[in-house]
Amino acid sequence: STEDAATLGVGVTTVGQGLYQSLKLPLPTEPAKQPFPVLIYGASTATGTLAVQYAKLSGLEVIAICSPHNYDLVKSLGADATFDYKDPECSAKIREHTKDNLKHVFDCISEGSSPDICANAISSKGGVISYLLPAKSSREDVVDQSTLGYTVVGEAFTFAGHPIPAKPEDFEFGKMFWELAEKLFAEGKVKAHPKELRSGGLEGIFGGMDEMRSGKVSGKKLVYKI
């Protein structure tokens, strides 16, 4: 539906860049022969719920970090294990759960304590984190990478006052990945993020934004009919 489509935004592109261009995970069309763990921080966010589904379709063991009240949501989408980001032992529990074998992390929050929680969950042998924003963890043996969804247009632009050069390879990847995404959505293998339909048009959006700022919106997208 158009309402479901409204929840996607740039999320599909972001997941593609983060999981497959940045972390170089196997695509759903060629899933891993042997599952290995991937951690998704912020798994109940709009980008996170998509990432959980794609990672599962890639044949991976999906470890999810989110609020406990969203555990059922992320498990219904394919998460194999869930952990609470507010738990002081979160990183240690994940490292124990993965038997010190976690090497790939997709951080859908990318600020505050998330970089270090992710880094400390990674194997003692090191690994890589892909962020949605420029971020850095405290571990030198962990590679910090970030993506910017707008590069998918393949043209130069300015972001936050910084010139970003054209990346033709991102444009080509985007064409491939959106074609795959269209197929997976049509087949029902990937579902849109949960939504809450609201009335009020454009003016109603301001109230929704206030709710988001105060932390009252979690695990769903607010969609307004115009």
C-alpha atoms as a PDB file:
ATOM      1  CA  SER A   1       0.000   0.000   0.000  1.00  0.00           C
ATOM      2  CA  THR A   2       1.022   3.630  -0.307  1.00  0.00           C
ATOM      3  CA  GLU A   3       0.886   3.857   3.492  1.00  0.00           C
ATOM      4  CA  ASP A   4       3.396   1.004   3.812  1.00  0.00           C
ATOM      5  CA  ALA A   5       5.575   2.594   1.139  1.00  0.00           C
ATOM      6  CA  ALA A   6       5.612   5.822   3.159  1.00  0.00           C
ATOM      7  CA  THR A   7       7.433   4.017   5.981  1.00  0.00           C
ATOM      8  CA  LEU A   8      10.375   3.058   3.791  1.00  0.00           C
ATOM      9  CA  GLY A   9      11.954   6.392   2.911  1.00  0.00           C
ATOM     10  CA  VAL A  10      15.669   6.019   2.357  1.00  0.00           C
ATOM     11  CA  GLY A  11      15.769   2.987   4.663  1.00  0.00           C
ATOM     12  CA  VAL A  12      16.083   0.393   1.907  1.00  0.00           C
ATOM     13  CA  THR A  13      19.061   2.223   0.408  1.00  0.00           C
ATOM     14  CA  THR A  14      20.649   2.633   3.846  1.00  0.00           C
ATOM     15  CA  VAL A  15      20.331  -1.072   4.619  1.00  0.00           C
ATOM     16  CA  GLY A  16      21.785  -1.985   1.250  1.00  0.00           C
ATOM     17  CA  GLN A  17      24.774   0.282   1.678  1.00  0.00           C
ATOM     18  CA  GLY A  18      25.369  -0.700   5.313  1.00  0.00           C
ATOM     19  CA  LEU A  19      24.991  -4.465   5.149  1.00  0.00           C
ATOM     20  CA  TYR A  20      26.243  -5.169   1.650  1.00  0.00           C
ATOM     21  CA  GLN A  21      28.504  -2.359   0.447  1.00  0.00           C
ATOM     22  CA  SER A  22      30.084  -1.515   3.792  1.00  0.00           C
ATOM     23  CA  LEU A  23      30.059  -4.832   5.704  1.00  0.00           C
ATOM     24  CA  LYS A  24      30.219  -6.871   2.478  1.00  0.00           C
ATOM     25  CA  LEU A  25      27.743  -9.467   3.722  1.00  0.00           C
ATOM     26  CA  PRO A  26      26.332 -12.044   1.289  1.00  0.00           C
ATOM     27  CA  LEU A  27      23.251 -10.876  -0.603  1.00  0.00           C
ATOM     28  CA  PRO A  28      19.898 -12.664  -0.132  1.00  0.00           C
ATOM     29  CA  THR A  29      20.306 -13.993  -3.671  1.00  0.00           C
ATOM     30  CA  GLU A  30      23.452 -15.850  -2.540  1.00  0.00           C
ATOM     31  CA  PRO A  31      23.001 -16.483   1.206  1.00  0.00           C
ATOM     32  CA  ALA A  32      25.803 -17.662   3.462  1.00  0.00           C
ATOM     33  CA  LYS A  33      26.459 -21.405   3.285  1.00  0.00           C
ATOM     34  CA  GLN A  34      27.282 -21.398   6.991  1.00  0.00           C
ATOM     35  CA  PRO A  35      25.505 -18.863   9.246  1.00  0.00           C
ATOM     36  CA  PHE A  36      27.683 -16.385  11.112  1.00  0.00           C
ATOM     37  CA  PRO A  37      26.558 -13.653  13.520  1.00  0.00           C
ATOM     38  CA  VAL A  38      25.741 -10.075  12.608  1.00  0.00           C
ATOM     39  CA  LEU A  39      24.709  -7.545  15.247  1.00  0.00           C
ATOM     40  CA  ILE A  40      22.081  -4.900  14.517  1.00  0.00           C
ATOM     41  CA  TYR A  41      21.921  -2.068  17.052  1.00  0.00           C
ATOM     42  CA  GLY A  42      18.626  -0.190  17.001  1.00  0.00           C
ATOM     43  CA  ALA A  43      16.896  -3.226  15.521  1.00  0.00           C
ATOM     44  CA  SER A  44      13.385  -1.879  16.156  1.00  0.00           C
ATOM     45  CA  THR A  45      13.966   1.380  14.261  1.00  0.00           C
ATOM     46  CA  ALA A  46      12.598   1.800  10.741  1.00  0.00           C
ATOM     47  CA  THR A  47      16.012   0.985   9.276  1.00  0.00           C
ATOM     48  CA  GLY A  48      16.692  -1.708  11.864  1.00  0.00           C
ATOM     49  CA  THR A  49      13.574  -3.768  11.128  1.00  0.00           C
ATOM     50  CA  LEU A  50      14.513  -3.838   7.454  1.00  0.00           C
ATOM     51  CA  ALA A  51      18.098  -4.782   8.323  1.00  0.00           C
ATOM     52  CA  VAL A  52      16.933  -7.703  10.483  1.00  0.00           C
ATOM     53  CA  GLN A  53      14.903  -9.110   7.594  1.00  0.00           C
ATOM     54  CA  TYR A  54      17.615  -8.681   4.984  1.00  0.00           C
ATOM     55  CA  ALA A  55      20.286 -10.182   7.240  1.00  0.00           C
ATOM     56  CA  LYS A  56      18.064 -13.194   7.904  1.00  0.00           C
ATOM     57  CA  LEU A  57      17.447 -13.651   4.168  1.00  0.00           C
ATOM     58  CA  SER A  58      21.235 -13.581   3.759  1.00  0.00           C
ATOM     59  CA  GLY A  59      21.439 -16.714   5.888  1.00  0.00           C
ATOM     60  CA  LEU A  60      22.982 -15.035   8.927  1.00  0.00           C
ATOM     61  CA  GLU A  61      22.483 -15.367  12.675  1.00  0.00           C
ATOM     62  CA  VAL A  62      20.813 -12.076  13.557  1.00  0.00           C
ATOM     63  CA  ILE A  63      21.599 -10.558  16.954  1.00  0.00           C
ATOM     64  CA  ALA A  64      19.343  -7.600  17.795  1.00  0.00           C
ATOM     65  CA  ILE A  65      19.769  -4.781  20.304  1.00  0.00           C
ATOM     66  CA  CYS A  66      16.632  -2.796  21.146  1.00  0.00           C
ATOM     67  CA  SER A  67      14.194  -2.017  23.962  1.00  0.00           C
ATOM     68  CA  PRO A  68      12.674  -5.123  25.610  1.00  0.00           C
ATOM     69  CA  HIS A  69       9.135  -4.048  24.648  1.00  0.00           C
ATOM     70  CA  ASN A  70      10.169  -4.449  20.993  1.00  0.00           C
ATOM     71  CA  TYR A  71      11.690  -7.938  21.372  1.00  0.00           C
ATOM     72  CA  ASP A  72       8.601  -9.664  19.949  1.00  0.00           C
ATOM     73  CA  LEU A  73       8.619  -7.346  16.931  1.00  0.00           C
ATOM     74  CA  VAL A  74      12.232  -8.012  15.944  1.00  0.00           C
ATOM     75  CA  LYS A  75      11.923 -11.745  16.661  1.00  0.00           C
ATOM     76  CA  SER A  76       8.870 -11.916  14.389  1.00  0.00           C
ATOM     77  CA  LEU A  77      11.031 -10.441  11.624  1.00  0.00           C
ATOM     78  CA  GLY A  78      13.841 -12.962  12.043  1.00  0.00           C
ATOM     79  CA  ALA A  79      16.058 -11.959  14.971  1.00  0.00           C
ATOM     80  CA  ASP A  80      17.634 -15.020  16.590  1.00  0.00           C
ATOM     81  CA  ALA A  81      18.577 -13.316  19.860  1.00  0.00           C
ATOM     82  CA  THR A  82      17.677 -10.017  21.519  1.00  0.00           C
ATOM     83  CA  PHE A  83      19.514  -7.840  24.021  1.00  0.00           C
ATOM     84  CA  ASP A  84      18.629  -4.689  25.962  1.00  0.00           C
ATOM     85  CA  TYR A  85      20.796  -1.665  25.167  1.00  0.00           C
ATOM     86  CA  LYS A  86      20.256  -0.358  28.709  1.00  0.00           C
ATOM     87  CA  ASP A  87      21.731  -3.509  30.276  1.00  0.00           C
ATOM     88  CA  PRO A  88      25.257  -2.689  31.565  1.00  0.00           C
ATOM     89  CA  GLU A  89      26.264  -6.252  30.635  1.00  0.00           C
ATOM     90  CA  CYS A  90      24.817  -6.022  27.116  1.00  0.00           C
ATOM     91  CA  SER A  91      28.161  -6.212  25.291  1.00  0.00           C
ATOM     92  CA  ALA A  92      29.533  -8.993  27.496  1.00  0.00           C
ATOM     93  CA  LYS A  93      26.372 -11.067  27.080  1.00  0.00           C
ATOM     94  CA  ILE A  94      26.525 -10.742  23.297  1.00  0.00           C
ATOM     95  CA  ARG A  95      30.189 -11.712  23.208  1.00  0.00           C
ATOM     96  CA  GLU A  96      29.362 -14.772  25.322  1.00  0.00           C
ATOM     97  CA  HIS A  97      26.338 -15.631  23.168  1.00  0.00           C
ATOM     98  CA  THR A  98      28.385 -15.440  19.966  1.00  0.00           C
ATOM     99  CA  LYS A  99      31.313 -17.333  21.535  1.00  0.00           C
ATOM    100  CA  ASP A 100      33.612 -14.383  20.767  1.00  0.00           C
ATOM    101  CA  ASN A 101      32.939 -14.762  17.031  1.00  0.00           C
ATOM    102  CA  LEU A 102      31.055 -11.544  16.215  1.00  0.00           C
ATOM    103  CA  LYS A 103      32.857  -9.556  13.515  1.00  0.00           C
ATOM    104  CA  HIS A 104      30.096  -7.599  11.728  1.00  0.00           C
ATOM    105  CA  VAL A 105      27.903  -4.864  13.238  1.00  0.00           C
ATOM    106  CA  PHE A 106      25.329  -2.502  11.714  1.00  0.00           C
ATOM    107  CA  ASP A 107      24.650   0.420  14.073  1.00  0.00           C
ATOM    108  CA  CYS A 108      21.323   2.091  13.239  1.00  0.00           C
ATOM    109  CA  ILE A 109      21.689   4.660  16.046  1.00  0.00           C
ATOM    110  CA  SER A 110      25.345   5.688  15.646  1.00  0.00           C
ATOM    111  CA  GLU A 111      25.526   8.118  18.545  1.00  0.00           C
ATOM    112  CA  GLY A 112      25.730   8.241  22.320  1.00  0.00           C
ATOM    113  CA  SER A 113      26.866   4.937  23.798  1.00  0.00           C
ATOM    114  CA  SER A 114      26.030   2.802  20.757  1.00  0.00           C
ATOM    115  CA  PRO A 115      29.515   2.786  19.129  1.00  0.00           C
ATOM    116  CA  ASP A 116      31.184   1.449  22.273  1.00  0.00           C
ATOM    117  CA  ILE A 117      28.410  -1.031  23.096  1.00  0.00           C
ATOM    118  CA  CYS A 118      28.798  -2.409  19.573  1.00  0.00           C
ATOM    119  CA  ALA A 119      32.592  -2.418  19.673  1.00  0.00           C
ATOM    120  CA  ASN A 120      32.749  -4.193  23.026  1.00  0.00           C
ATOM    121  CA  ALA A 121      30.456  -6.939  21.734  1.00  0.00           C
ATOM    122  CA  ILE A 122      32.791  -7.634  18.817  1.00  0.00           C
ATOM    123  CA  SER A 123      35.249 -10.519  18.949  1.00  0.00           C
ATOM    124  CA  SER A 124      38.562 -10.050  20.738  1.00  0.00           C
ATOM    125  CA  LYS A 125      40.089 -10.634  17.284  1.00  0.00           C
ATOM    126  CA  GLY A 126      38.494  -7.431  15.958  1.00  0.00           C
ATOM    127  CA  GLY A 127      35.816  -6.643  13.410  1.00  0.00           C
ATOM    128  CA  VAL A 128      33.970  -3.882  11.589  1.00  0.00           C
ATOM    129  CA  ILE A 129      31.066  -1.547  12.393  1.00  0.00           C
ATOM    130  CA  SER A 130      29.000   0.255   9.762  1.00  0.00           C
ATOM    131  CA  TYR A 131      27.336   3.439  11.057  1.00  0.00           C
ATOM    132  CA  LEU A 132      24.543   5.636   9.714  1.00  0.00           C
ATOM    133  CA  LEU A 133      26.461   8.704  10.886  1.00  0.00           C
ATOM    134  CA  PRO A 134      30.204   9.370  11.146  1.00  0.00           C
ATOM    135  CA  ALA A 135      31.158   7.734  14.456  1.00  0.00           C
ATOM    136  CA  LYS A 136      34.108   6.074  16.135  1.00  0.00           C
ATOM    137  CA  SER A 137      34.424   3.423  18.815  1.00  0.00           C
ATOM    138  CA  SER A 138      37.137   3.187  21.461  1.00  0.00           C
ATOM    139  CA  ARG A 139      38.720  -0.003  20.041  1.00  0.00           C
ATOM    140  CA  GLU A 140      41.615   0.366  17.635  1.00  0.00           C
ATOM    141  CA  ASP A 141      41.178  -3.183  16.316  1.00  0.00           C
ATOM    142  CA  VAL A 142      37.638  -2.364  15.164  1.00  0.00           C
ATOM    143  CA  VAL A 143      37.183  -0.722  11.751  1.00  0.00           C
ATOM    144  CA  ASP A 144      34.694   2.168  11.840  1.00  0.00           C
ATOM    145  CA  GLN A 145      32.832   2.874   8.587  1.00  0.00           C
ATOM    146  CA  SER A 146      29.825   5.011   7.705  1.00  0.00           C
ATOM    147  CA  THR A 147      27.539   5.384   4.709  1.00  0.00           C
ATOM    148  CA  LEU A 148      25.386   8.218   3.383  1.00  0.00           C
ATOM    149  CA  GLY A 149      22.264   7.165   1.525  1.00  0.00           C
ATOM    150  CA  TYR A 150      22.231  10.232  -0.728  1.00  0.00           C
ATOM    151  CA  THR A 151      25.312   8.988  -2.611  1.00  0.00           C
ATOM    152  CA  VAL A 152      22.994   6.492  -4.315  1.00  0.00           C
ATOM    153  CA  VAL A 153      21.950   9.226  -6.778  1.00  0.00           C
ATOM    154  CA  GLY A 154      25.445   9.108  -8.283  1.00  0.00           C
ATOM    155  CA  GLU A 155      25.874  12.894  -8.329  1.00  0.00           C
ATOM    156  CA  ALA A 156      28.008  15.341  -6.341  1.00  0.00           C
ATOM    157  CA  PHE A 157      26.292  17.289  -3.553  1.00  0.00           C
ATOM    158  CA  THR A 158      26.962  19.228  -0.360  1.00  0.00           C
ATOM    159  CA  PHE A 159      26.081  17.716   3.019  1.00  0.00           C
ATOM    160  CA  ALA A 160      26.436  19.590   6.325  1.00  0.00           C
ATOM    161  CA  GLY A 161      28.673  22.092   4.567  1.00  0.00           C
ATOM    162  CA  HIS A 162      30.978  19.427   3.134  1.00  0.00           C
ATOM    163  CA  PRO A 163      31.248  18.685  -0.604  1.00  0.00           C
ATOM    164  CA  ILE A 164      30.503  15.029  -1.358  1.00  0.00           C
ATOM    165  CA  PRO A 165      31.868  13.771  -4.704  1.00  0.00           C
ATOM    166  CA  ALA A 166      29.778  11.715  -7.097  1.00  0.00           C
ATOM    167  CA  LYS A 167      30.025   7.963  -6.520  1.00  0.00           C
ATOM    168  CA  PRO A 168      28.990   6.151  -9.706  1.00  0.00           C
ATOM    169  CA  GLU A 169      29.559   2.794  -7.988  1.00  0.00           C
ATOM    170  CA  ASP A 170      26.898   3.677  -5.400  1.00  0.00           C
ATOM    171  CA  PHE A 171      24.461   4.537  -8.185  1.00  0.00           C
ATOM    172  CA  GLU A 172      25.067   1.172  -9.868  1.00  0.00           C
ATOM    173  CA  PHE A 173      24.725  -0.666  -6.560  1.00  0.00           C
ATOM    174  CA  GLY A 174      21.496   1.211  -5.831  1.00  0.00           C
ATOM    175  CA  LYS A 175      19.925   0.145  -9.126  1.00  0.00           C
ATOM    176  CA  MET A 176      20.766  -3.490  -8.422  1.00  0.00           C
ATOM    177  CA  PHE A 177      19.632  -3.381  -4.809  1.00  0.00           C
ATOM    178  CA  TRP A 178      16.312  -1.628  -5.438  1.00  0.00           C
ATOM    179  CA  GLU A 179      15.478  -4.148  -8.148  1.00  0.00           C
ATOM    180  CA  LEU A 180      16.144  -6.904  -5.606  1.00  0.00           C
ATOM    181  CA  ALA A 181      14.138  -5.034  -2.947  1.00  0.00           C
ATOM    182  CA  GLU A 182      11.134  -4.691  -5.248  1.00  0.00           C
ATOM    183  CA  LYS A 183      11.171  -8.457  -5.820  1.00  0.00           C
ATOM    184  CA  LEU A 184      11.489  -9.289  -2.113  1.00  0.00           C
ATOM    185  CA  PHE A 185       8.644  -6.949  -1.135  1.00  0.00           C
ATOM    186  CA  ALA A 186       6.420  -8.311  -3.923  1.00  0.00           C
ATOM    187  CA  GLU A 187       7.076 -11.870  -2.735  1.00  0.00           C
ATOM    188  CA  GLY A 188       6.294 -10.940   0.856  1.00  0.00           C
ATOM    189  CA  LYS A 189       9.782 -11.863   2.032  1.00  0.00           C
ATOM    190  CA  VAL A 190      10.414  -8.356   3.401  1.00  0.00           C
ATOM    191  CA  LYS A 191       7.753  -6.404   5.291  1.00  0.00           C
ATOM    192  CA  ALA A 192       7.459  -2.655   5.760  1.00  0.00           C
ATOM    193  CA  HIS A 193       8.026  -1.148   9.198  1.00  0.00           C
ATOM    194  CA  PRO A 194       4.952  -1.141  11.497  1.00  0.00           C
ATOM    195  CA  LYS A 195       2.913   2.030  11.042  1.00  0.00           C
ATOM    196  CA  GLU A 196       0.337   4.091  12.890  1.00  0.00           C
ATOM    197  CA  LEU A 197      -2.022   5.905  10.529  1.00  0.00           C
ATOM    198  CA  ARG A 198      -3.055   9.363  11.686  1.00  0.00           C
ATOM    199  CA  SER A 199      -5.234  12.168  10.396  1.00  0.00           C
ATOM    200  CA  GLY A 200      -4.507  15.875  10.600  1.00  0.00           C
ATOM    201  CA  GLY A 201      -2.512  16.289   7.406  1.00  0.00           C
ATOM    202  CA  LEU A 202       0.636  18.373   7.370  1.00  0.00           C
ATOM    203  CA  GLU A 203      -0.334  20.280  10.518  1.00  0.00           C
ATOM    204  CA  GLY A 204      -0.725  17.031  12.446  1.00  0.00           C
ATOM    205  CA  ILE A 205       2.882  16.113  11.727  1.00  0.00           C
ATOM    206  CA  PHE A 206       4.140  18.709  14.206  1.00  0.00           C
ATOM    207  CA  GLY A 207       2.420  16.914  17.077  1.00  0.00           C
ATOM    208  CA  GLY A 208       3.946  13.635  15.957  1.00  0.00           C
ATOM    209  CA  MET A 209       7.402  15.171  15.853  1.00  0.00           C
ATOM    210  CA  ASP A 210       6.956  16.420  19.422  1.00  0.00           C
ATOM    211  CA  GLU A 211       6.041  12.875  20.489  1.00  0.00           C
ATOM    212  CA  MET A 212       9.151  11.528  18.791  1.00  0.00           C
ATOM    213  CA  ARG A 213      11.372  14.092  20.513  1.00  0.00           C
ATOM    214  CA  SER A 214       9.940  13.108  23.886  1.00  0.00           C
ATOM    215  CA  GLY A 215      10.572   9.406  23.227  1.00  0.00           C
ATOM    216  CA  LYS A 216       6.902   8.401  22.985  1.00  0.00           C
ATOM    217  CA  VAL A 217       7.234   6.751  19.558  1.00  0.00           C
ATOM    218  CA  SER A 218       9.002   3.382  19.428  1.00  0.00           C
ATOM    219  CA  GLY A 219       8.911   0.473  16.997  1.00  0.00           C
ATOM    220  CA  LYS A 220       6.547   2.182  14.557  1.00  0.00           C
ATOM    221  CA  LYS A 221       6.338   4.943  11.958  1.00  0.00           C
ATOM    222  CA  LEU A 222       3.754   7.692  12.159  1.00  0.00           C
ATOM    223  CA  VAL A 223       2.042   8.064   8.768  1.00  0.00           C
ATOM    224  CA  TYR A 224      -0.215  11.057   8.082  1.00  0.00           C
ATOM    225  CA  LYS A 225      -2.806  11.192   5.312  1.00  0.00           C
ATOM    226  CA  ILE A 226      -2.709  14.422   3.323  1.00  0.00           C
END
